C-alpha cells in the first residue's frame, strides 16, 4: 500500500498550504482585491481591469476556485465569480492561529 507524505500532516496544515499556494501569485491577490472591492459576482470585468489575457485570468480563477476562496456561478454563456466570504474568514482564522503558534515569545 502506497503512503502519501501528505498524510503525515494535519488536514489544517494541508488546507493552509493550499490557501498559501493560491495566494502565491500577485495576479491572484489582485483578483481577490477586485472581487472584494466590488463585493459582487463579476465576469468579464476582471480581464478589463488586469494586465493579463483572458486565458491567464481564467487559469488564476481556477486556482482560487480550487482552493475554495471564490465561487463561480454560471450566468448564461459565462461564469461570474465572487469571494467565498466564509472560506476567507476560515483562512484568516487559521493564519492567525498559525502565526500565534510560531511567533517568538519575546
Protein backbone atom coordinates (compact mmCIF):
# COMPACT_ATOMS: atom_id res chain seq x y z
CA UNK A 1 0.00 0.00 0.00
CA UNK A 2 1.41 3.38 -1.00
CA UNK A 3 1.81 6.07 1.63
CA UNK A 4 1.38 9.71 0.67
CA UNK A 5 3.68 12.09 2.50
CA UNK A 6 0.75 14.49 2.79
CA UNK A 7 -0.92 12.00 5.13
CA UNK A 8 1.76 12.84 7.68
CA UNK A 9 0.35 16.36 8.03
CA UNK A 10 -2.90 17.54 9.59
CA UNK A 11 -5.86 18.49 7.44
CA UNK A 12 -5.49 22.04 8.74
CA UNK A 13 -1.85 22.24 7.63
CA UNK A 14 -2.73 20.82 4.22
CA UNK A 15 -5.54 23.37 3.83
CA UNK A 16 -3.21 26.21 4.87
CA UNK A 17 -0.71 25.07 2.25
CA UNK A 18 -3.43 25.02 -0.41
CA UNK A 19 -4.50 28.55 0.50
CA UNK A 20 -0.89 29.75 0.57
CA UNK A 21 -0.33 28.29 -2.89
CA UNK A 22 -3.48 30.04 -4.15
CA UNK A 23 -2.18 33.36 -2.78
CA UNK A 24 1.35 32.84 -4.10
CA UNK A 25 0.87 34.85 -7.28
CA UNK A 26 0.31 38.62 -7.38
CA UNK A 27 -2.36 38.25 -10.08
CA UNK A 28 -4.47 36.09 -7.76
CA UNK A 29 -4.13 38.64 -4.97
CA UNK A 30 -5.20 41.35 -7.43
CA UNK A 31 -8.20 39.23 -8.45
CA UNK A 32 -9.25 38.81 -4.81
CA UNK A 33 -8.91 42.57 -4.27
CA UNK A 34 -11.01 43.30 -7.33
CA UNK A 35 -13.72 40.86 -6.27
CA UNK A 36 -13.73 42.23 -2.70
CA UNK A 37 -13.89 45.82 -3.91
CA UNK A 38 -16.99 45.13 -5.94
CA UNK A 39 -18.49 42.75 -3.36
CA UNK A 40 -20.49 41.13 -6.14
CA UNK A 41 -20.11 38.43 -8.73
CA UNK A 42 -18.33 39.69 -11.81
CA UNK A 43 -17.38 38.14 -15.11
CA UNK A 44 -15.54 39.81 -17.95
CA UNK A 45 -14.69 42.95 -16.00
CA UNK A 46 -11.77 41.14 -14.37
CA UNK A 47 -9.94 40.86 -17.68
CA UNK A 48 -10.58 44.52 -18.47
CA UNK A 49 -9.05 45.58 -15.14
CA UNK A 50 -5.96 43.36 -15.16
CA UNK A 51 -2.93 43.45 -17.47
CA UNK A 52 -3.46 39.78 -18.35
CA UNK A 53 -5.06 37.80 -21.12
CA UNK A 54 -8.44 36.10 -20.74
CA UNK A 55 -6.76 32.68 -20.66
CA UNK A 56 -4.34 33.75 -17.92
CA UNK A 57 -7.10 35.26 -15.79
CA UNK A 58 -9.15 32.08 -16.24
CA UNK A 59 -6.24 29.96 -15.04
CA UNK A 60 -5.80 32.12 -11.93
CA UNK A 61 -9.53 31.97 -11.24
CA UNK A 62 -9.35 28.19 -11.48
CA UNK A 63 -6.62 28.06 -8.82
CA UNK A 64 -8.58 30.35 -6.48
CA UNK A 65 -11.74 28.30 -7.02
CA UNK A 66 -9.94 25.00 -6.38
CA UNK A 67 -8.61 26.46 -3.12
CA UNK A 68 -12.18 27.31 -2.17
CA UNK A 69 -11.58 31.05 -1.91
CA UNK A 70 -14.01 32.03 -4.66
CA UNK A 71 -17.25 30.70 -6.11
CA UNK A 72 -18.26 30.64 -9.73
CA UNK A 73 -21.86 30.85 -10.89
CA UNK A 74 -22.96 30.10 -14.43
CA UNK A 75 -24.77 33.07 -15.94
CA UNK A 76 -25.77 32.15 -19.46
CA UNK A 77 -22.66 31.56 -21.57
CA UNK A 78 -20.28 32.91 -18.91
CA UNK A 79 -19.23 32.27 -15.34
CA UNK A 80 -19.49 35.02 -12.73
CA UNK A 81 -17.06 34.91 -9.81
CA UNK A 82 -17.32 36.19 -6.26
CA UNK A 83 -15.44 35.72 -3.00
CA UNK A 84 -16.49 32.89 -0.71
CA UNK A 85 -16.55 35.04 2.43
CA UNK A 86 -16.91 32.17 4.95
CA UNK A 87 -13.89 30.43 3.39
CA UNK A 88 -11.88 33.66 3.50
CA UNK A 89 -12.75 34.07 7.20
CA UNK A 90 -11.73 30.46 7.84
CA UNK A 91 -8.38 31.12 6.14
CA UNK A 92 -7.90 34.29 8.21
CA UNK A 93 -8.59 32.42 11.45
CA UNK A 94 -6.26 29.56 10.50
CA UNK A 95 -3.47 32.01 9.63
CA UNK A 96 -3.91 33.93 12.88
CA UNK A 97 -3.69 30.65 14.81
CA UNK A 98 -0.58 29.64 12.88
CA UNK A 99 1.14 32.98 13.45
CA UNK A 100 0.28 32.86 17.15
CA UNK A 101 1.82 29.39 17.36
CA UNK A 102 5.08 30.33 15.65
CA UNK A 103 5.72 33.88 16.83
CA UNK A 104 8.67 34.45 19.17
CA UNK A 105 7.86 34.59 22.84
CA UNK A 106 9.76 37.88 23.42
